[in-house]
């Protein structure tokens, strides 16, 4: 079973995004941003793949089924911080080029 990494930070502003954060937004490649960057700076465009951004699911803290080894206790969030290498100008150009296209047409 593939599991989300649950990256610990916004790749753009480096804001902490713990596993229980409702502020985290991700694309299909798990690029991770805070809600403010996703909405205000990126206009729902992933700076890497160009896909849309959606709220990251919250992994339960415990395993609610005794027979299953699920939850953060068994599958902890990643501690590896990821930050973009793109410049502000490069990001702005990328976002401007495709932000008006619906995600299903990108």
PDB file of N, CA and C in Angstrom:
ATOM      1  N   UNK A   1       0.842  -1.171   0.000  1.00  0.00           N
ATOM      2  CA  UNK A   1       0.000   0.000   0.000  1.00  0.00           C
ATOM      3  C   UNK A   1       0.897   1.247   0.000  1.00  0.00           C
ATOM      4  N   UNK A   2       0.728   2.085  -0.998  1.00  0.00           N
ATOM      5  CA  UNK A   2       1.497   3.330  -1.064  1.00  0.00           C
ATOM      6  C   UNK A   2       0.949   4.318  -0.035  1.00  0.00           C
ATOM      7  N   UNK A   3       1.844   5.073   0.567  1.00  0.00           N
ATOM      8  CA  UNK A   3       1.443   6.029   1.592  1.00  0.00           C
ATOM      9  C   UNK A   3       1.985   7.416   1.254  1.00  0.00           C
ATOM     10  N   UNK A   4       1.208   8.430   1.573  1.00  0.00           N
ATOM     11  CA  UNK A   4       1.687   9.794   1.412  1.00  0.00           C
ATOM     12  C   UNK A   4       2.850  10.048   2.361  1.00  0.00           C
ATOM     13  N   UNK A   5       3.823  10.813   1.901  1.00  0.00           N
ATOM     14  CA  UNK A   5       4.968  11.152   2.744  1.00  0.00           C
ATOM     15  C   UNK A   5       4.578  12.061   3.905  1.00  0.00           C
ATOM     16  N   UNK A   6       3.585  12.904   3.692  1.00  0.00           N
ATOM     17  CA  UNK A   6       3.208  13.930   4.668  1.00  0.00           C
ATOM     18  C   UNK A   6       4.422  14.809   4.977  1.00  0.00           C
ATOM     19  N   UNK A   7       4.876  15.508   3.962  1.00  0.00           N
ATOM     20  CA  UNK A   7       6.045  16.383   4.096  1.00  0.00           C
ATOM     21  C   UNK A   7       5.794  17.441   5.166  1.00  0.00           C
ATOM     22  N   UNK A   8       6.838  17.816   5.893  1.00  0.00           N
ATOM     23  CA  UNK A   8       6.660  18.651   7.080  1.00  0.00           C
ATOM     24  C   UNK A   8       6.612  20.161   6.863  1.00  0.00           C
ATOM     25  N   UNK A   9       6.717  20.612   5.598  1.00  0.00           N
ATOM     26  CA  UNK A   9       6.800  22.061   5.392  1.00  0.00           C
ATOM     27  C   UNK A   9       6.276  22.465   4.023  1.00  0.00           C
ATOM     28  N   UNK A  10       5.982  23.767   3.914  1.00  0.00           N
ATOM     29  CA  UNK A  10       5.625  24.360   2.630  1.00  0.00           C
ATOM     30  C   UNK A  10       6.905  24.487   1.823  1.00  0.00           C
ATOM     31  N   UNK A  11       6.898  23.996   0.604  1.00  0.00           N
ATOM     32  CA  UNK A  11       8.091  24.029  -0.240  1.00  0.00           C
ATOM     33  C   UNK A  11       8.439  25.444  -0.706  1.00  0.00           C
ATOM     34  N   UNK A  12       7.518  26.375  -0.534  1.00  0.00           N
ATOM     35  CA  UNK A  12       7.752  27.738  -0.992  1.00  0.00           C
ATOM     36  C   UNK A  12       8.187  28.659   0.154  1.00  0.00           C
ATOM     37  N   UNK A  13       7.428  28.716   1.243  1.00  0.00           N
ATOM     38  CA  UNK A  13       7.753  29.647   2.340  1.00  0.00           C
ATOM     39  C   UNK A  13       8.354  28.950   3.557  1.00  0.00           C
ATOM     40  N   UNK A  14       8.424  27.613   3.538  1.00  0.00           N
ATOM     41  CA  UNK A  14       9.000  26.802   4.606  1.00  0.00           C
ATOM     42  C   UNK A  14       8.178  26.774   5.897  1.00  0.00           C
ATOM     43  N   UNK A  15       6.910  27.162   5.827  1.00  0.00           N
ATOM     44  CA  UNK A  15       6.032  27.092   7.002  1.00  0.00           C
ATOM     45  C   UNK A  15       5.905  25.639   7.447  1.00  0.00           C
ATOM     46  N   UNK A  16       5.922  25.397   8.742  1.00  0.00           N
ATOM     47  CA  UNK A  16       5.714  24.053   9.274  1.00  0.00           C
ATOM     48  C   UNK A  16       4.305  23.569   8.965  1.00  0.00           C
ATOM     49  N   UNK A  17       4.206  22.333   8.488  1.00  0.00           N
ATOM     50  CA  UNK A  17       2.913  21.706   8.187  1.00  0.00           C
ATOM     51  C   UNK A  17       2.906  20.311   8.811  1.00  0.00           C
ATOM     52  N   UNK A  18       2.625  20.235  10.109  1.00  0.00           N
ATOM     53  CA  UNK A  18       2.612  18.931  10.770  1.00  0.00           C
ATOM     54  C   UNK A  18       1.528  18.028  10.169  1.00  0.00           C
ATOM     55  N   UNK A  19       1.586  16.732  10.429  1.00  0.00           N
ATOM     56  CA  UNK A  19       0.655  15.793   9.796  1.00  0.00           C
ATOM     57  C   UNK A  19      -0.827  16.115  10.025  1.00  0.00           C
ATOM     58  N   UNK A  20      -1.155  16.762  11.123  1.00  0.00           N
ATOM     59  CA  UNK A  20      -2.559  17.062  11.418  1.00  0.00           C
ATOM     60  C   UNK A  20      -2.995  18.436  10.873  1.00  0.00           C
ATOM     61  N   UNK A  21      -2.122  19.109  10.129  1.00  0.00           N
ATOM     62  CA  UNK A  21      -2.429  20.447   9.626  1.00  0.00           C
ATOM     63  C   UNK A  21      -3.502  20.424   8.541  1.00  0.00           C
ATOM     64  N   UNK A  22      -4.502  21.266   8.717  1.00  0.00           N
ATOM     65  CA  UNK A  22      -5.524  21.427   7.684  1.00  0.00           C
ATOM     66  C   UNK A  22      -5.099  22.493   6.676  1.00  0.00           C
ATOM     67  N   UNK A  23      -3.922  23.084   6.878  1.00  0.00           N
ATOM     68  CA  UNK A  23      -3.386  24.115   5.997  1.00  0.00           C
ATOM     69  C   UNK A  23      -2.596  23.548   4.814  1.00  0.00           C
ATOM     70  N   UNK A  24      -2.261  22.260   4.840  1.00  0.00           N
ATOM     71  CA  UNK A  24      -1.404  21.668   3.815  1.00  0.00           C
ATOM     72  C   UNK A  24      -2.173  21.428   2.517  1.00  0.00           C
ATOM     73  N   UNK A  25      -1.525  21.742   1.395  1.00  0.00           N
ATOM     74  CA  UNK A  25      -2.071  21.491   0.064  1.00  0.00           C
ATOM     75  C   UNK A  25      -1.034  20.672  -0.705  1.00  0.00           C
ATOM     76  N   UNK A  26      -1.505  19.717  -1.511  1.00  0.00           N
ATOM     77  CA  UNK A  26      -0.594  18.868  -2.277  1.00  0.00           C
ATOM     78  C   UNK A  26      -1.086  18.701  -3.712  1.00  0.00           C
ATOM     79  N   UNK A  27      -0.137  18.328  -4.594  1.00  0.00           N
ATOM     80  CA  UNK A  27      -0.483  17.937  -5.964  1.00  0.00           C
ATOM     81  C   UNK A  27      -0.402  16.407  -6.025  1.00  0.00           C
ATOM     82  N   UNK A  28      -0.580  15.832  -7.186  1.00  0.00           N
ATOM     83  CA  UNK A  28      -0.553  14.368  -7.293  1.00  0.00           C
ATOM     84  C   UNK A  28       0.835  13.786  -7.070  1.00  0.00           C
ATOM     85  N   UNK A  29       1.876  14.626  -7.101  1.00  0.00           N
ATOM     86  CA  UNK A  29       3.237  14.160  -6.835  1.00  0.00           C
ATOM     87  C   UNK A  29       3.662  14.452  -5.395  1.00  0.00           C
ATOM     88  N   UNK A  30       2.734  14.905  -4.583  1.00  0.00           N
ATOM     89  CA  UNK A  30       2.938  15.219  -3.169  1.00  0.00           C
ATOM     90  C   UNK A  30       3.751  16.476  -2.921  1.00  0.00           C
ATOM     91  N   UNK A  31       3.936  17.317  -3.945  1.00  0.00           N
ATOM     92  CA  UNK A  31       4.542  18.617  -3.699  1.00  0.00           C
ATOM     93  C   UNK A  31       3.631  19.292  -2.681  1.00  0.00           C
ATOM     94  N   UNK A  32       4.210  19.923  -1.689  1.00  0.00           N
ATOM     95  CA  UNK A  32       3.444  20.389  -0.538  1.00  0.00           C
ATOM     96  C   UNK A  32       3.610  21.886  -0.321  1.00  0.00           C
ATOM     97  N   UNK A  33       2.487  22.559  -0.132  1.00  0.00           N
ATOM     98  CA  UNK A  33       2.471  24.007   0.086  1.00  0.00           C
ATOM     99  C   UNK A  33       1.456  24.324   1.181  1.00  0.00           C
ATOM    100  N   UNK A  34       1.627  25.481   1.818  1.00  0.00           N
ATOM    101  CA  UNK A  34       0.627  25.928   2.786  1.00  0.00           C
ATOM    102  C   UNK A  34      -0.540  26.534   2.002  1.00  0.00           C
ATOM    103  N   UNK A  35      -1.690  26.650   2.646  1.00  0.00           N
ATOM    104  CA  UNK A  35      -2.888  27.166   1.987  1.00  0.00           C
ATOM    105  C   UNK A  35      -2.668  28.575   1.449  1.00  0.00           C
ATOM    106  N   UNK A  36      -1.964  29.414   2.219  1.00  0.00           N
ATOM    107  CA  UNK A  36      -1.746  30.790   1.785  1.00  0.00           C
ATOM    108  C   UNK A  36      -0.923  30.851   0.501  1.00  0.00           C
ATOM    109  N   UNK A  37       0.174  30.115   0.441  1.00  0.00           N
ATOM    110  CA  UNK A  37       0.984  30.098  -0.782  1.00  0.00           C
ATOM    111  C   UNK A  37       0.200  29.486  -1.939  1.00  0.00           C
ATOM    112  N   UNK A  38      -0.507  28.396  -1.687  1.00  0.00           N
ATOM    113  CA  UNK A  38      -1.265  27.713  -2.740  1.00  0.00           C
ATOM    114  C   UNK A  38      -2.314  28.633  -3.362  1.00  0.00           C
ATOM    115  N   UNK A  39      -2.985  29.410  -2.527  1.00  0.00           N
ATOM    116  CA  UNK A  39      -4.072  30.250  -3.027  1.00  0.00           C
ATOM    117  C   UNK A  39      -3.588  31.608  -3.535  1.00  0.00           C
ATOM    118  N   UNK A  40      -2.749  32.269  -2.759  1.00  0.00           N
ATOM    119  CA  UNK A  40      -2.388  33.653  -3.089  1.00  0.00           C
ATOM    120  C   UNK A  40      -1.198  33.785  -4.035  1.00  0.00           C
ATOM    121  N   UNK A  41      -0.209  32.935  -3.873  1.00  0.00           N
ATOM    122  CA  UNK A  41       0.996  33.063  -4.702  1.00  0.00           C
ATOM    123  C   UNK A  41       0.967  32.136  -5.905  1.00  0.00           C
ATOM    124  N   UNK A  42       0.411  30.945  -5.731  1.00  0.00           N
ATOM    125  CA  UNK A  42       0.461  29.941  -6.795  1.00  0.00           C
ATOM    126  C   UNK A  42      -0.837  29.813  -7.585  1.00  0.00           C
ATOM    127  N   UNK A  43      -1.918  30.391  -7.097  1.00  0.00           N
ATOM    128  CA  UNK A  43      -3.207  30.351  -7.789  1.00  0.00           C
ATOM    129  C   UNK A  43      -3.604  28.931  -8.183  1.00  0.00           C
ATOM    130  N   UNK A  44      -3.361  27.997  -7.240  1.00  0.00           N
ATOM    131  CA  UNK A  44      -3.745  26.585  -7.427  1.00  0.00           C
ATOM    132  C   UNK A  44      -2.929  25.880  -8.512  1.00  0.00           C
ATOM    133  N   UNK A  45      -1.695  26.324  -8.732  1.00  0.00           N
ATOM    134  CA  UNK A  45      -0.810  25.710  -9.725  1.00  0.00           C
ATOM    135  C   UNK A  45       0.427  25.176  -9.008  1.00  0.00           C
ATOM    136  N   UNK A  46       0.717  23.892  -9.166  1.00  0.00           N
ATOM    137  CA  UNK A  46       1.955  23.337  -8.612  1.00  0.00           C
ATOM    138  C   UNK A  46       3.125  23.891  -9.402  1.00  0.00           C
ATOM    139  N   UNK A  47       4.133  24.411  -8.714  1.00  0.00           N
ATOM    140  CA  UNK A  47       5.270  25.016  -9.412  1.00  0.00           C
ATOM    141  C   UNK A  47       6.172  23.989 -10.070  1.00  0.00           C
ATOM    142  N   UNK A  48       5.979  22.726  -9.754  1.00  0.00           N
ATOM    143  CA  UNK A  48       6.785  21.667 -10.373  1.00  0.00           C
ATOM    144  C   UNK A  48       6.077  21.046 -11.570  1.00  0.00           C
ATOM    145  N   UNK A  49       4.885  20.488 -11.351  1.00  0.00           N
ATOM    146  CA  UNK A  49       4.220  19.746 -12.427  1.00  0.00           C
ATOM    147  C   UNK A  49       3.135  20.538 -13.148  1.00  0.00           C
ATOM    148  N   UNK A  50       2.678  21.642 -12.561  1.00  0.00           N
ATOM    149  CA  UNK A  50       1.608  22.417 -13.186  1.00  0.00           C
ATOM    150  C   UNK A  50       0.216  21.928 -12.849  1.00  0.00           C
ATOM    151  N   UNK A  51       0.129  20.868 -12.066  1.00  0.00           N
ATOM    152  CA  UNK A  51      -1.174  20.336 -11.666  1.00  0.00           C
ATOM    153  C   UNK A  51      -1.839  21.205 -10.613  1.00  0.00           C
ATOM    154  N   UNK A  52      -3.046  20.819 -10.234  1.00  0.00           N
ATOM    155  CA  UNK A  52      -3.767  21.579  -9.223  1.00  0.00           C
ATOM    156  C   UNK A  52      -3.366  21.131  -7.813  1.00  0.00           C
ATOM    157  N   UNK A  53      -3.756  21.924  -6.841  1.00  0.00           N
ATOM    158  CA  UNK A  53      -3.436  21.654  -5.442  1.00  0.00           C
ATOM    159  C   UNK A  53      -4.725  21.418  -4.672  1.00  0.00           C
ATOM    160  N   UNK A  54      -4.684  20.463  -3.787  1.00  0.00           N
ATOM    161  CA  UNK A  54      -5.866  20.069  -3.037  1.00  0.00           C
ATOM    162  C   UNK A  54      -5.493  19.880  -1.569  1.00  0.00           C
ATOM    163  N   UNK A  55      -6.456  20.003  -0.651  1.00  0.00           N
ATOM    164  CA  UNK A  55      -6.120  19.775   0.757  1.00  0.00           C
ATOM    165  C   UNK A  55      -5.526  18.376   0.962  1.00  0.00           C
ATOM    166  N   UNK A  56      -4.460  18.322   1.742  1.00  0.00           N
ATOM    167  CA  UNK A  56      -3.810  17.038   2.043  1.00  0.00           C
ATOM    168  C   UNK A  56      -4.645  16.290   3.069  1.00  0.00           C
ATOM    169  N   UNK A  57      -4.887  15.005   2.844  1.00  0.00           N
ATOM    170  CA  UNK A  57      -5.628  14.229   3.841  1.00  0.00           C
ATOM    171  C   UNK A  57      -4.862  14.189   5.166  1.00  0.00           C
ATOM    172  N   UNK A  58      -5.588  14.054   6.247  1.00  0.00           N
ATOM    173  CA  UNK A  58      -4.975  13.974   7.570  1.00  0.00           C
ATOM    174  C   UNK A  58      -4.936  12.514   7.992  1.00  0.00           C
ATOM    175  N   UNK A  59      -3.739  12.033   8.261  1.00  0.00           N
ATOM    176  CA  UNK A  59      -3.562  10.641   8.687  1.00  0.00           C
ATOM    177  C   UNK A  59      -3.969  10.524  10.153  1.00  0.00           C
ATOM    178  N   UNK A  60      -4.822   9.552  10.478  1.00  0.00           N
ATOM    179  CA  UNK A  60      -5.230   9.367  11.880  1.00  0.00           C
ATOM    180  C   UNK A  60      -4.010   9.138  12.773  1.00  0.00           C
ATOM    181  N   UNK A  61      -4.108   9.595  13.999  1.00  0.00           N
ATOM    182  CA  UNK A  61      -2.996   9.448  14.938  1.00  0.00           C
ATOM    183  C   UNK A  61      -2.839   8.020  15.433  1.00  0.00           C
ATOM    184  N   UNK A  62      -3.910   7.268  15.419  1.00  0.00           N
ATOM    185  CA  UNK A  62      -3.842   5.893  15.918  1.00  0.00           C
ATOM    186  C   UNK A  62      -4.517   4.942  14.948  1.00  0.00           C
ATOM    187  N   UNK A  63      -4.320   3.681  15.157  1.00  0.00           N
ATOM    188  CA  UNK A  63      -4.976   2.659  14.349  1.00  0.00           C
ATOM    189  C   UNK A  63      -6.340   2.372  14.972  1.00  0.00           C
ATOM    190  N   UNK A  64      -7.389   2.678  14.258  1.00  0.00           N
ATOM    191  CA  UNK A  64      -8.743   2.505  14.786  1.00  0.00           C
ATOM    192  C   UNK A  64      -9.240   1.075  14.641  1.00  0.00           C
ATOM    193  N   UNK A  65      -8.612   0.261  13.847  1.00  0.00           N
ATOM    194  CA  UNK A  65      -8.940  -1.165  13.724  1.00  0.00           C
ATOM    195  C   UNK A  65      -7.775  -1.938  14.328  1.00  0.00           C
ATOM    196  N   UNK A  66      -8.052  -2.700  15.316  1.00  0.00           N
ATOM    197  CA  UNK A  66      -7.013  -3.418  16.050  1.00  0.00           C
ATOM    198  C   UNK A  66      -6.230  -4.352  15.132  1.00  0.00           C
ATOM    199  N   UNK A  67      -6.896  -4.915  14.139  1.00  0.00           N
ATOM    200  CA  UNK A  67      -6.246  -5.879  13.247  1.00  0.00           C
ATOM    201  C   UNK A  67      -5.368  -5.212  12.185  1.00  0.00           C
ATOM    202  N   UNK A  68      -5.411  -3.897  12.091  1.00  0.00           N
ATOM    203  CA  UNK A  68      -4.637  -3.170  11.085  1.00  0.00           C
ATOM    204  C   UNK A  68      -3.531  -2.359  11.755  1.00  0.00           C
ATOM    205  N   UNK A  69      -2.411  -2.268  11.109  1.00  0.00           N
ATOM    206  CA  UNK A  69      -1.308  -1.430  11.589  1.00  0.00           C
ATOM    207  C   UNK A  69      -1.313  -0.124  10.809  1.00  0.00           C
ATOM    208  N   UNK A  70      -2.234   0.748  11.155  1.00  0.00           N
ATOM    209  CA  UNK A  70      -2.399   2.006  10.442  1.00  0.00           C
ATOM    210  C   UNK A  70      -2.213   3.181  11.392  1.00  0.00           C
ATOM    211  N   UNK A  71      -2.187   4.384  10.852  1.00  0.00           N
ATOM    212  CA  UNK A  71      -2.062   5.587  11.663  1.00  0.00           C
ATOM    213  C   UNK A  71      -0.618   6.041  11.769  1.00  0.00           C
ATOM    214  N   UNK A  72      -0.448   7.230  12.345  1.00  0.00           N
ATOM    215  CA  UNK A  72       0.881   7.829  12.475  1.00  0.00           C
ATOM    216  C   UNK A  72       1.834   6.991  13.311  1.00  0.00           C
ATOM    217  N   UNK A  73       1.306   6.234  14.262  1.00  0.00           N
ATOM    218  CA  UNK A  73       2.161   5.389  15.087  1.00  0.00           C
ATOM    219  C   UNK A  73       2.882   4.324  14.275  1.00  0.00           C
ATOM    220  N   UNK A  74       2.264   3.858  13.211  1.00  0.00           N
ATOM    221  CA  UNK A  74       2.861   2.830  12.354  1.00  0.00           C
ATOM    222  C   UNK A  74       3.499   3.434  11.098  1.00  0.00           C
ATOM    223  N   UNK A  75       2.963   4.535  10.637  1.00  0.00           N
ATOM    224  CA  UNK A  75       3.432   5.187   9.417  1.00  0.00           C
ATOM    225  C   UNK A  75       3.614   6.678   9.686  1.00  0.00           C
ATOM    226  N   UNK A  76       4.728   7.038  10.333  1.00  0.00           N
ATOM    227  CA  UNK A  76       4.949   8.444  10.696  1.00  0.00           C
ATOM    228  C   UNK A  76       5.153   9.335   9.474  1.00  0.00           C
ATOM    229  N   UNK A  77       4.923  10.608   9.688  1.00  0.00           N
ATOM    230  CA  UNK A  77       5.135  11.599   8.637  1.00  0.00           C
ATOM    231  C   UNK A  77       6.627  11.750   8.367  1.00  0.00           C
ATOM    232  N   UNK A  78       6.948  12.231   7.186  1.00  0.00           N
ATOM    233  CA  UNK A  78       8.340  12.474   6.824  1.00  0.00           C
ATOM    234  C   UNK A  78       8.907  13.630   7.654  1.00  0.00           C
ATOM    235  N   UNK A  79      10.168  13.559   7.961  1.00  0.00           N
ATOM    236  CA  UNK A  79      10.859  14.655   8.660  1.00  0.00           C
ATOM    237  C   UNK A  79      11.745  15.436   7.694  1.00  0.00           C
ATOM    238  N   UNK A  80      11.839  14.957   6.440  1.00  0.00           N
ATOM    239  CA  UNK A  80      12.707  15.594   5.446  1.00  0.00           C
ATOM    240  C   UNK A  80      12.025  16.826   4.860  1.00  0.00           C
ATOM    241  N   UNK A  81      12.626  17.972   5.073  1.00  0.00           N
ATOM    242  CA  UNK A  81      12.086  19.221   4.555  1.00  0.00           C
ATOM    243  C   UNK A  81      12.477  19.364   3.082  1.00  0.00           C
ATOM    244  N   UNK A  82      11.539  19.852   2.273  1.00  0.00           N
ATOM    245  CA  UNK A  82      11.753  20.053   0.840  1.00  0.00           C
ATOM    246  C   UNK A  82      11.500  21.526   0.544  1.00  0.00           C
ATOM    247  N   UNK A  83      12.410  22.156  -0.190  1.00  0.00           N
ATOM    248  CA  UNK A  83      12.245  23.555  -0.583  1.00  0.00           C
ATOM    249  C   UNK A  83      12.497  23.688  -2.071  1.00  0.00           C
ATOM    250  N   UNK A  84      11.762  24.579  -2.703  1.00  0.00           N
ATOM    251  CA  UNK A  84      11.894  24.768  -4.139  1.00  0.00           C
ATOM    252  C   UNK A  84      13.237  25.391  -4.502  1.00  0.00           C
ATOM    253  N   UNK A  85      13.700  25.081  -5.685  1.00  0.00           N
ATOM    254  CA  UNK A  85      14.925  25.685  -6.195  1.00  0.00           C
ATOM    255  C   UNK A  85      14.613  26.751  -7.255  1.00  0.00           C
ATOM    256  N   UNK A  86      13.317  26.940  -7.540  1.00  0.00           N
ATOM    257  CA  UNK A  86      12.918  27.911  -8.560  1.00  0.00           C
ATOM    258  C   UNK A  86      12.958  29.332  -8.008  1.00  0.00           C
ATOM    259  N   UNK A  87      13.289  30.286  -8.868  1.00  0.00           N
ATOM    260  CA  UNK A  87      13.309  31.693  -8.477  1.00  0.00           C
ATOM    261  C   UNK A  87      11.880  32.230  -8.426  1.00  0.00           C
ATOM    262  N   UNK A  88      11.715  33.359  -7.740  1.00  0.00           N
ATOM    263  CA  UNK A  88      10.400  34.011  -7.673  1.00  0.00           C
ATOM    264  C   UNK A  88       9.902  34.345  -9.074  1.00  0.00           C
ATOM    265  N   UNK A  89      10.797  34.849  -9.939  1.00  0.00           N
ATOM    266  CA  UNK A  89      10.409  35.188 -11.320  1.00  0.00           C
ATOM    267  C   UNK A  89      10.005  33.944 -12.097  1.00  0.00           C
ATOM    268  N   UNK A  90      10.765  32.872 -11.938  1.00  0.00           N
ATOM    269  CA  UNK A  90      10.444  31.627 -12.624  1.00  0.00           C
ATOM    270  C   UNK A  90       9.094  31.073 -12.193  1.00  0.00           C
ATOM    271  N   UNK A  91       8.824  31.153 -10.911  1.00  0.00           N
ATOM    272  CA  UNK A  91       7.535  30.691 -10.386  1.00  0.00           C
ATOM    273  C   UNK A  91       6.407  31.550 -10.945  1.00  0.00           C
ATOM    274  N   UNK A  92       6.581  32.856 -10.899  1.00  0.00           N
ATOM    275  CA  UNK A  92       5.544  33.773 -11.383  1.00  0.00           C
ATOM    276  C   UNK A  92       5.247  33.542 -12.867  1.00  0.00           C
ATOM    277  N   UNK A  93       6.286  33.340 -13.675  1.00  0.00           N
ATOM    278  CA  UNK A  93       6.086  33.085 -15.103  1.00  0.00           C
ATOM    279  C   UNK A  93       5.340  31.774 -15.335  1.00  0.00           C
ATOM    280  N   UNK A  94       5.731  30.739 -14.616  1.00  0.00           N
ATOM    281  CA  UNK A  94       5.091  29.423 -14.739  1.00  0.00           C
ATOM    282  C   UNK A  94       3.614  29.503 -14.364  1.00  0.00           C
ATOM    283  N   UNK A  95       3.331  30.131 -13.241  1.00  0.00           N
ATOM    284  CA  UNK A  95       1.950  30.254 -12.760  1.00  0.00           C
ATOM    285  C   UNK A  95       1.123  31.088 -13.727  1.00  0.00           C
ATOM    286  N   UNK A  96       1.656  32.218 -14.189  1.00  0.00           N
ATOM    287  CA  UNK A  96       0.919  33.096 -15.106  1.00  0.00           C
ATOM    288  C   UNK A  96       0.566  32.387 -16.410  1.00  0.00           C
ATOM    289  N   UNK A  97       1.462  31.529 -16.870  1.00  0.00           N
ATOM    290  CA  UNK A  97       1.253  30.813 -18.136  1.00  0.00           C
ATOM    291  C   UNK A  97       0.056  29.864 -18.091  1.00  0.00           C
ATOM    292  N   UNK A  98      -0.213  29.250 -16.933  1.00  0.00           N
ATOM    293  CA  UNK A  98      -1.253  28.204 -16.916  1.00  0.00           C
ATOM    294  C   UNK A  98      -2.350  28.373 -15.873  1.00  0.00           C
ATOM    295  N   UNK A  99      -2.302  29.417 -15.054  1.00  0.00           N
ATOM    296  CA  UNK A  99      -3.264  29.530 -13.953  1.00  0.00           C
ATOM    297  C   UNK A  99      -4.717  29.643 -14.418  1.00  0.00           C
ATOM    298  N   UNK A 100      -4.952  30.135 -15.612  1.00  0.00           N
ATOM    299  CA  UNK A 100      -6.321  30.301 -16.102  1.00  0.00           C
ATOM    300  C   UNK A 100      -6.859  29.049 -16.794  1.00  0.00           C
ATOM    301  N   UNK A 101      -6.019  28.057 -16.977  1.00  0.00           N
ATOM    302  CA  UNK A 101      -6.480  26.783 -17.556  1.00  0.00           C
ATOM    303  C   UNK A 101      -7.069  25.917 -16.440  1.00  0.00           C
ATOM    304  N   UNK A 102      -8.222  25.312 -16.658  1.00  0.00           N
ATOM    305  CA  UNK A 102      -8.753  24.389 -15.651  1.00  0.00           C
ATOM    306  C   UNK A 102      -7.774  23.224 -15.460  1.00  0.00           C
ATOM    307  N   UNK A 103      -7.656  22.696 -14.240  1.00  0.00           N
ATOM    308  CA  UNK A 103      -6.711  21.616 -13.980  1.00  0.00           C
ATOM    309  C   UNK A 103      -6.832  20.431 -14.951  1.00  0.00           C
ATOM    310  N   UNK A 104      -8.028  20.111 -15.376  1.00  0.00           N
ATOM    311  CA  UNK A 104      -8.207  18.961 -16.272  1.00  0.00           C
ATOM    312  C   UNK A 104      -7.701  19.229 -17.687  1.00  0.00           C
ATOM    313  N   UNK A 105      -7.336  20.460 -17.992  1.00  0.00           N
ATOM    314  CA  UNK A 105      -6.813  20.814 -19.314  1.00  0.00           C
ATOM    315  C   UNK A 105      -5.321  21.160 -19.297  1.00  0.00           C
ATOM    316  N   UNK A 106      -4.686  21.027 -18.145  1.00  0.00           N
ATOM    317  CA  UNK A 106      -3.250  21.393 -18.063  1.00  0.00           C
ATOM    318  C   UNK A 106      -2.390  20.299 -18.607  1.00  0.00           C
TER     319      UNK A 106
END
